[in-house]
Amino acid sequence: MSLLTGIIGKTLLEVLKGMFFQIGWKIILERFATRLVVWGLETLKGLTTNDVMQNTVDDVIASLQGKRLKEIPKKE
């Protein structure tokens, strides 16, 4: 039984390694950093009543969003 368990265990380990290293970590880290920056800007926007700063934060967030994927129109 331990031979079968060892074979299955090693196979699962190899499959998990393949899945883990196949992920584009650079993209994931870039998205995380962008979301962190947007969160910080939204927090900064909430802390001030200066209209110029709030509009600037909105402009920076809009430029960070860039080209987005096309959204599917909602059916009503």
PDB file of N, CA and C in Angstrom:
ATOM      1  N   MET A   1       0.812  -1.189   0.000  1.00  0.00           N
ATOM      2  CA  MET A   1       0.000   0.000   0.000  1.00  0.00           C
ATOM      3  C   MET A   1       0.861   1.262   0.000  1.00  0.00           C
ATOM      4  N   SER A   2       2.009   1.230   0.675  1.00  0.00           N
ATOM      5  CA  SER A   2       2.836   2.427   0.744  1.00  0.00           C
ATOM      6  C   SER A   2       3.437   2.772  -0.618  1.00  0.00           C
ATOM      7  N   LEU A   3       3.675   1.773  -1.463  1.00  0.00           N
ATOM      8  CA  LEU A   3       4.188   2.031  -2.809  1.00  0.00           C
ATOM      9  C   LEU A   3       3.155   2.797  -3.624  1.00  0.00           C
ATOM     10  N   LEU A   4       1.899   2.388  -3.550  1.00  0.00           N
ATOM     11  CA  LEU A   4       0.823   3.067  -4.262  1.00  0.00           C
ATOM     12  C   LEU A   4       0.629   4.480  -3.726  1.00  0.00           C
ATOM     13  N   THR A   5       0.687   4.633  -2.417  1.00  0.00           N
ATOM     14  CA  THR A   5       0.549   5.954  -1.794  1.00  0.00           C
ATOM     15  C   THR A   5       1.695   6.864  -2.219  1.00  0.00           C
ATOM     16  N   GLY A   6       2.904   6.315  -2.268  1.00  0.00           N
ATOM     17  CA  GLY A   6       4.060   7.099  -2.700  1.00  0.00           C
ATOM     18  C   GLY A   6       3.939   7.561  -4.135  1.00  0.00           C
ATOM     19  N   ILE A   7       3.467   6.668  -5.004  1.00  0.00           N
ATOM     20  CA  ILE A   7       3.309   7.028  -6.415  1.00  0.00           C
ATOM     21  C   ILE A   7       2.261   8.113  -6.582  1.00  0.00           C
ATOM     22  N   ILE A   8       1.131   7.939  -5.901  1.00  0.00           N
ATOM     23  CA  ILE A   8       0.060   8.947  -5.992  1.00  0.00           C
ATOM     24  C   ILE A   8       0.524  10.272  -5.402  1.00  0.00           C
ATOM     25  N   GLY A   9       1.229  10.210  -4.277  1.00  0.00           N
ATOM     26  CA  GLY A   9       1.728  11.432  -3.635  1.00  0.00           C
ATOM     27  C   GLY A   9       2.694  12.187  -4.528  1.00  0.00           C
ATOM     28  N   LYS A  10       3.641  11.474  -5.147  1.00  0.00           N
ATOM     29  CA  LYS A  10       4.603  12.128  -6.037  1.00  0.00           C
ATOM     30  C   LYS A  10       3.910  12.692  -7.274  1.00  0.00           C
ATOM     31  N   THR A  11       2.925  11.980  -7.783  1.00  0.00           N
ATOM     32  CA  THR A  11       2.191  12.478  -8.942  1.00  0.00           C
ATOM     33  C   THR A  11       1.453  13.764  -8.599  1.00  0.00           C
ATOM     34  N   LEU A  12       0.782  13.779  -7.465  1.00  0.00           N
ATOM     35  CA  LEU A  12       0.083  14.991  -7.038  1.00  0.00           C
ATOM     36  C   LEU A  12       1.054  16.141  -6.817  1.00  0.00           C
ATOM     37  N   LEU A  13       2.206  15.844  -6.233  1.00  0.00           N
ATOM     38  CA  LEU A  13       3.210  16.872  -6.001  1.00  0.00           C
ATOM     39  C   LEU A  13       3.692  17.460  -7.324  1.00  0.00           C
ATOM     40  N   GLU A  14       3.928  16.628  -8.308  1.00  0.00           N
ATOM     41  CA  GLU A  14       4.372  17.107  -9.619  1.00  0.00           C
ATOM     42  C   GLU A  14       3.289  17.938 -10.306  1.00  0.00           C
ATOM     43  N   VAL A  15       2.047  17.524 -10.171  1.00  0.00           N
ATOM     44  CA  VAL A  15       0.942  18.294 -10.764  1.00  0.00           C
ATOM     45  C   VAL A  15       0.838  19.658 -10.104  1.00  0.00           C
ATOM     46  N   LEU A  16       0.929  19.710  -8.778  1.00  0.00           N
ATOM     47  CA  LEU A  16       0.861  20.992  -8.069  1.00  0.00           C
ATOM     48  C   LEU A  16       2.042  21.896  -8.411  1.00  0.00           C
ATOM     49  N   LYS A  17       3.228  21.318  -8.531  1.00  0.00           N
ATOM     50  CA  LYS A  17       4.401  22.108  -8.936  1.00  0.00           C
ATOM     51  C   LYS A  17       4.187  22.696 -10.321  1.00  0.00           C
ATOM     52  N   GLY A  18       3.659  21.888 -11.230  1.00  0.00           N
ATOM     53  CA  GLY A  18       3.401  22.363 -12.581  1.00  0.00           C
ATOM     54  C   GLY A  18       2.403  23.505 -12.610  1.00  0.00           C
ATOM     55  N   MET A  19       1.364  23.391 -11.812  1.00  0.00           N
ATOM     56  CA  MET A  19       0.353  24.450 -11.750  1.00  0.00           C
ATOM     57  C   MET A  19       0.934  25.710 -11.131  1.00  0.00           C
ATOM     58  N   PHE A  20       1.735  25.566 -10.089  1.00  0.00           N
ATOM     59  CA  PHE A  20       2.296  26.704  -9.374  1.00  0.00           C
ATOM     60  C   PHE A  20       3.270  27.477 -10.251  1.00  0.00           C
ATOM     61  N   PHE A  21       4.141  26.785 -10.950  1.00  0.00           N
ATOM     62  CA  PHE A  21       5.154  27.462 -11.753  1.00  0.00           C
ATOM     63  C   PHE A  21       4.625  27.914 -13.102  1.00  0.00           C
ATOM     64  N   GLN A  22       3.432  27.492 -13.452  1.00  0.00           N
ATOM     65  CA  GLN A  22       2.843  27.896 -14.718  1.00  0.00           C
ATOM     66  C   GLN A  22       2.170  29.270 -14.598  1.00  0.00           C
ATOM     67  N   ILE A  23       1.880  29.684 -13.398  1.00  0.00           N
ATOM     68  CA  ILE A  23       1.207  30.961 -13.173  1.00  0.00           C
ATOM     69  C   ILE A  23       2.175  32.105 -13.456  1.00  0.00           C
ATOM     70  N   GLY A  24       1.688  33.152 -14.116  1.00  0.00           N
ATOM     71  CA  GLY A  24       2.501  34.334 -14.366  1.00  0.00           C
ATOM     72  C   GLY A  24       2.523  35.227 -13.135  1.00  0.00           C
ATOM     73  N   TRP A  25       3.477  34.986 -12.259  1.00  0.00           N
ATOM     74  CA  TRP A  25       3.523  35.716 -10.990  1.00  0.00           C
ATOM     75  C   TRP A  25       3.785  37.194 -11.177  1.00  0.00           C
ATOM     76  N   LYS A  26       4.485  37.568 -12.240  1.00  0.00           N
ATOM     77  CA  LYS A  26       4.747  38.983 -12.497  1.00  0.00           C
ATOM     78  C   LYS A  26       3.432  39.742 -12.679  1.00  0.00           C
ATOM     79  N   ILE A  27       2.513  39.145 -13.397  1.00  0.00           N
ATOM     80  CA  ILE A  27       1.213  39.777 -13.640  1.00  0.00           C
ATOM     81  C   ILE A  27       0.418  39.877 -12.343  1.00  0.00           C
ATOM     82  N   ILE A  28       0.443  38.828 -11.549  1.00  0.00           N
ATOM     83  CA  ILE A  28      -0.292  38.837 -10.281  1.00  0.00           C
ATOM     84  C   ILE A  28       0.261  39.909  -9.349  1.00  0.00           C
ATOM     85  N   LEU A  29       1.587  40.008  -9.256  1.00  0.00           N
ATOM     86  CA  LEU A  29       2.198  41.033  -8.404  1.00  0.00           C
ATOM     87  C   LEU A  29       1.910  42.439  -8.922  1.00  0.00           C
ATOM     88  N   GLU A  30       1.897  42.606 -10.237  1.00  0.00           N
ATOM     89  CA  GLU A  30       1.591  43.910 -10.815  1.00  0.00           C
ATOM     90  C   GLU A  30       0.155  44.327 -10.492  1.00  0.00           C
ATOM     91  N   ARG A  31      -0.776  43.392 -10.606  1.00  0.00           N
ATOM     92  CA  ARG A  31      -2.170  43.709 -10.282  1.00  0.00           C
ATOM     93  C   ARG A  31      -2.340  44.016  -8.797  1.00  0.00           C
ATOM     94  N   PHE A  32      -1.634  43.258  -7.950  1.00  0.00           N
ATOM     95  CA  PHE A  32      -1.707  43.520  -6.512  1.00  0.00           C
ATOM     96  C   PHE A  32      -1.176  44.907  -6.195  1.00  0.00           C
ATOM     97  N   ALA A  33      -0.051  45.282  -6.808  1.00  0.00           N
ATOM     98  CA  ALA A  33       0.532  46.602  -6.566  1.00  0.00           C
ATOM     99  C   ALA A  33      -0.405  47.705  -7.050  1.00  0.00           C
ATOM    100  N   THR A  34      -1.026  47.493  -8.198  1.00  0.00           N
ATOM    101  CA  THR A  34      -1.962  48.492  -8.720  1.00  0.00           C
ATOM    102  C   THR A  34      -3.160  48.658  -7.806  1.00  0.00           C
ATOM    103  N   ARG A  35      -3.690  47.552  -7.312  1.00  0.00           N
ATOM    104  CA  ARG A  35      -4.837  47.633  -6.395  1.00  0.00           C
ATOM    105  C   ARG A  35      -4.443  48.307  -5.089  1.00  0.00           C
ATOM    106  N   LEU A  36      -3.221  48.067  -4.637  1.00  0.00           N
ATOM    107  CA  LEU A  36      -2.735  48.709  -3.420  1.00  0.00           C
ATOM    108  C   LEU A  36      -2.602  50.214  -3.617  1.00  0.00           C
ATOM    109  N   VAL A  37      -2.085  50.630  -4.774  1.00  0.00           N
ATOM    110  CA  VAL A  37      -1.953  52.055  -5.076  1.00  0.00           C
ATOM    111  C   VAL A  37      -3.332  52.701  -5.178  1.00  0.00           C
ATOM    112  N   VAL A  38      -4.269  52.046  -5.846  1.00  0.00           N
ATOM    113  CA  VAL A  38      -5.628  52.594  -5.983  1.00  0.00           C
ATOM    114  C   VAL A  38      -6.275  52.717  -4.613  1.00  0.00           C
ATOM    115  N   TRP A  39      -6.083  51.717  -3.751  1.00  0.00           N
ATOM    116  CA  TRP A  39      -6.641  51.787  -2.397  1.00  0.00           C
ATOM    117  C   TRP A  39      -6.049  52.979  -1.645  1.00  0.00           C
ATOM    118  N   GLY A  40      -4.748  53.186  -1.768  1.00  0.00           N
ATOM    119  CA  GLY A  40      -4.098  54.324  -1.104  1.00  0.00           C
ATOM    120  C   GLY A  40      -4.606  55.657  -1.632  1.00  0.00           C
ATOM    121  N   LEU A  41      -4.801  55.734  -2.938  1.00  0.00           N
ATOM    122  CA  LEU A  41      -5.318  56.976  -3.523  1.00  0.00           C
ATOM    123  C   LEU A  41      -6.753  57.245  -3.082  1.00  0.00           C
ATOM    124  N   GLU A  42      -7.564  56.209  -3.029  1.00  0.00           N
ATOM    125  CA  GLU A  42      -8.947  56.386  -2.559  1.00  0.00           C
ATOM    126  C   GLU A  42      -8.962  56.830  -1.098  1.00  0.00           C
ATOM    127  N   THR A  43      -8.057  56.287  -0.301  1.00  0.00           N
ATOM    128  CA  THR A  43      -7.961  56.696   1.100  1.00  0.00           C
ATOM    129  C   THR A  43      -7.537  58.159   1.197  1.00  0.00           C
ATOM    130  N   LEU A  44      -6.549  58.548   0.393  1.00  0.00           N
ATOM    131  CA  LEU A  44      -6.092  59.934   0.369  1.00  0.00           C
ATOM    132  C   LEU A  44      -7.212  60.866  -0.073  1.00  0.00           C
ATOM    133  N   LYS A  45      -7.987  60.428  -1.051  1.00  0.00           N
ATOM    134  CA  LYS A  45      -9.111  61.236  -1.544  1.00  0.00           C
ATOM    135  C   LYS A  45     -10.142  61.456  -0.443  1.00  0.00           C
ATOM    136  N   GLY A  46     -10.360  60.449   0.379  1.00  0.00           N
ATOM    137  CA  GLY A  46     -11.333  60.572   1.458  1.00  0.00           C
ATOM    138  C   GLY A  46     -10.849  61.441   2.615  1.00  0.00           C
ATOM    139  N   LEU A  47      -9.543  61.631   2.716  1.00  0.00           N
ATOM    140  CA  LEU A  47      -8.998  62.408   3.824  1.00  0.00           C
ATOM    141  C   LEU A  47      -8.986  63.908   3.566  1.00  0.00           C
ATOM    142  N   THR A  48      -9.186  64.320   2.327  1.00  0.00           N
ATOM    143  CA  THR A  48      -9.088  65.737   1.998  1.00  0.00           C
ATOM    144  C   THR A  48     -10.406  66.255   1.431  1.00  0.00           C
ATOM    145  N   THR A  49     -10.606  67.557   1.583  1.00  0.00           N
ATOM    146  CA  THR A  49     -11.771  68.203   0.992  1.00  0.00           C
ATOM    147  C   THR A  49     -11.371  69.062  -0.200  1.00  0.00           C
ATOM    148  N   ASN A  50     -10.099  69.001  -0.573  1.00  0.00           N
ATOM    149  CA  ASN A  50      -9.581  69.788  -1.685  1.00  0.00           C
ATOM    150  C   ASN A  50     -10.080  69.180  -3.002  1.00  0.00           C
ATOM    151  N   ASP A  51     -10.861  69.960  -3.749  1.00  0.00           N
ATOM    152  CA  ASP A  51     -11.431  69.472  -5.007  1.00  0.00           C
ATOM    153  C   ASP A  51     -10.368  69.159  -6.045  1.00  0.00           C
ATOM    154  N   VAL A  52      -9.301  69.959  -6.067  1.00  0.00           N
ATOM    155  CA  VAL A  52      -8.243  69.728  -7.050  1.00  0.00           C
ATOM    156  C   VAL A  52      -7.582  68.379  -6.788  1.00  0.00           C
ATOM    157  N   MET A  53      -7.303  68.074  -5.530  1.00  0.00           N
ATOM    158  CA  MET A  53      -6.671  66.804  -5.196  1.00  0.00           C
ATOM    159  C   MET A  53      -7.605  65.642  -5.499  1.00  0.00           C
ATOM    160  N   GLN A  54      -8.879  65.792  -5.199  1.00  0.00           N
ATOM    161  CA  GLN A  54      -9.834  64.721  -5.473  1.00  0.00           C
ATOM    162  C   GLN A  54      -9.947  64.454  -6.972  1.00  0.00           C
ATOM    163  N   ASN A  55      -9.969  65.528  -7.781  1.00  0.00           N
ATOM    164  CA  ASN A  55     -10.023  65.359  -9.237  1.00  0.00           C
ATOM    165  C   ASN A  55      -8.736  64.728  -9.767  1.00  0.00           C
ATOM    166  N   THR A  56      -7.605  65.107  -9.174  1.00  0.00           N
ATOM    167  CA  THR A  56      -6.325  64.521  -9.583  1.00  0.00           C
ATOM    168  C   THR A  56      -6.293  63.030  -9.269  1.00  0.00           C
ATOM    169  N   VAL A  57      -6.780  62.655  -8.099  1.00  0.00           N
ATOM    170  CA  VAL A  57      -6.840  61.241  -7.730  1.00  0.00           C
ATOM    171  C   VAL A  57      -7.723  60.486  -8.712  1.00  0.00           C
ATOM    172  N   ASP A  58      -8.854  61.065  -9.078  1.00  0.00           N
ATOM    173  CA  ASP A  58      -9.738  60.416 -10.057  1.00  0.00           C
ATOM    174  C   ASP A  58      -9.026  60.235 -11.401  1.00  0.00           C
ATOM    175  N   ASP A  59      -8.263  61.256 -11.832  1.00  0.00           N
ATOM    176  CA  ASP A  59      -7.531  61.166 -13.093  1.00  0.00           C
ATOM    177  C   ASP A  59      -6.449  60.086 -13.049  1.00  0.00           C
ATOM    178  N   VAL A  60      -5.729  60.008 -11.933  1.00  0.00           N
ATOM    179  CA  VAL A  60      -4.673  59.005 -11.795  1.00  0.00           C
ATOM    180  C   VAL A  60      -5.274  57.601 -11.804  1.00  0.00           C
ATOM    181  N   ILE A  61      -6.372  57.415 -11.099  1.00  0.00           N
ATOM    182  CA  ILE A  61      -7.027  56.105 -11.076  1.00  0.00           C
ATOM    183  C   ILE A  61      -7.531  55.737 -12.468  1.00  0.00           C
ATOM    184  N   ALA A  62      -8.082  56.699 -13.191  1.00  0.00           N
ATOM    185  CA  ALA A  62      -8.562  56.434 -14.550  1.00  0.00           C
ATOM    186  C   ALA A  62      -7.404  56.046 -15.469  1.00  0.00           C
ATOM    187  N   SER A  63      -6.248  56.686 -15.294  1.00  0.00           N
ATOM    188  CA  SER A  63      -5.103  56.338 -16.141  1.00  0.00           C
ATOM    189  C   SER A  63      -4.531  54.977 -15.768  1.00  0.00           C
ATOM    190  N   LEU A  64      -4.625  54.589 -14.496  1.00  0.00           N
ATOM    191  CA  LEU A  64      -4.149  53.267 -14.086  1.00  0.00           C
ATOM    192  C   LEU A  64      -5.041  52.162 -14.642  1.00  0.00           C
ATOM    193  N   GLN A  65      -6.319  52.452 -14.803  1.00  0.00           N
ATOM    194  CA  GLN A  65      -7.239  51.438 -15.318  1.00  0.00           C
ATOM    195  C   GLN A  65      -6.944  51.139 -16.785  1.00  0.00           C
ATOM    196  N   GLY A  66      -6.547  52.146 -17.535  1.00  0.00           N
ATOM    197  CA  GLY A  66      -6.163  51.925 -18.931  1.00  0.00           C
ATOM    198  C   GLY A  66      -7.240  51.226 -19.723  1.00  0.00           C
ATOM    199  N   LYS A  67      -6.790  50.411 -20.670  1.00  0.00           N
ATOM    200  CA  LYS A  67      -7.734  49.659 -21.491  1.00  0.00           C
ATOM    201  C   LYS A  67      -8.192  48.453 -20.701  1.00  0.00           C
ATOM    202  N   ARG A  68      -9.462  48.340 -20.556  1.00  0.00           N
ATOM    203  CA  ARG A  68     -10.037  47.212 -19.834  1.00  0.00           C
ATOM    204  C   ARG A  68     -10.626  46.233 -20.835  1.00  0.00           C
ATOM    205  N   LEU A  69     -10.903  45.071 -20.364  1.00  0.00           N
ATOM    206  CA  LEU A  69     -11.586  44.090 -21.205  1.00  0.00           C
ATOM    207  C   LEU A  69     -13.004  44.561 -21.475  1.00  0.00           C
ATOM    208  N   LYS A  70     -13.511  44.193 -22.611  1.00  0.00           N
ATOM    209  CA  LYS A  70     -14.877  44.581 -22.951  1.00  0.00           C
ATOM    210  C   LYS A  70     -15.841  43.891 -22.004  1.00  0.00           C
ATOM    211  N   GLU A  71     -16.811  44.642 -21.558  1.00  0.00           N
ATOM    212  CA  GLU A  71     -17.811  44.093 -20.659  1.00  0.00           C
ATOM    213  C   GLU A  71     -19.009  43.594 -21.469  1.00  0.00           C
ATOM    214  N   ILE A  72     -19.587  42.538 -21.013  1.00  0.00           N
ATOM    215  CA  ILE A  72     -20.779  41.999 -21.656  1.00  0.00           C
ATOM    216  C   ILE A  72     -21.969  42.849 -21.233  1.00  0.00           C
ATOM    217  N   PRO A  73     -22.742  43.355 -22.197  1.00  0.00           N
ATOM    218  CA  PRO A  73     -23.900  44.178 -21.827  1.00  0.00           C
ATOM    219  C   PRO A  73     -24.895  43.372 -20.994  1.00  0.00           C
ATOM    220  N   LYS A  74     -25.464  44.031 -19.994  1.00  0.00           N
ATOM    221  CA  LYS A  74     -26.421  43.366 -19.113  1.00  0.00           C
ATOM    222  C   LYS A  74     -27.779  43.285 -19.801  1.00  0.00           C
ATOM    223  N   LYS A  75     -28.407  42.143 -19.693  1.00  0.00           N
ATOM    224  CA  LYS A  75     -29.747  41.964 -20.257  1.00  0.00           C
ATOM    225  C   LYS A  75     -30.758  42.394 -19.217  1.00  0.00           C
ATOM    226  N   GLU A  76     -31.710  43.150 -19.653  1.00  0.00           N
ATOM    227  CA  GLU A  76     -32.746  43.623 -18.721  1.00  0.00           C
ATOM    228  C   GLU A  76     -34.051  42.947 -18.966  1.00  0.00           C
TER     229      GLU A  76
END
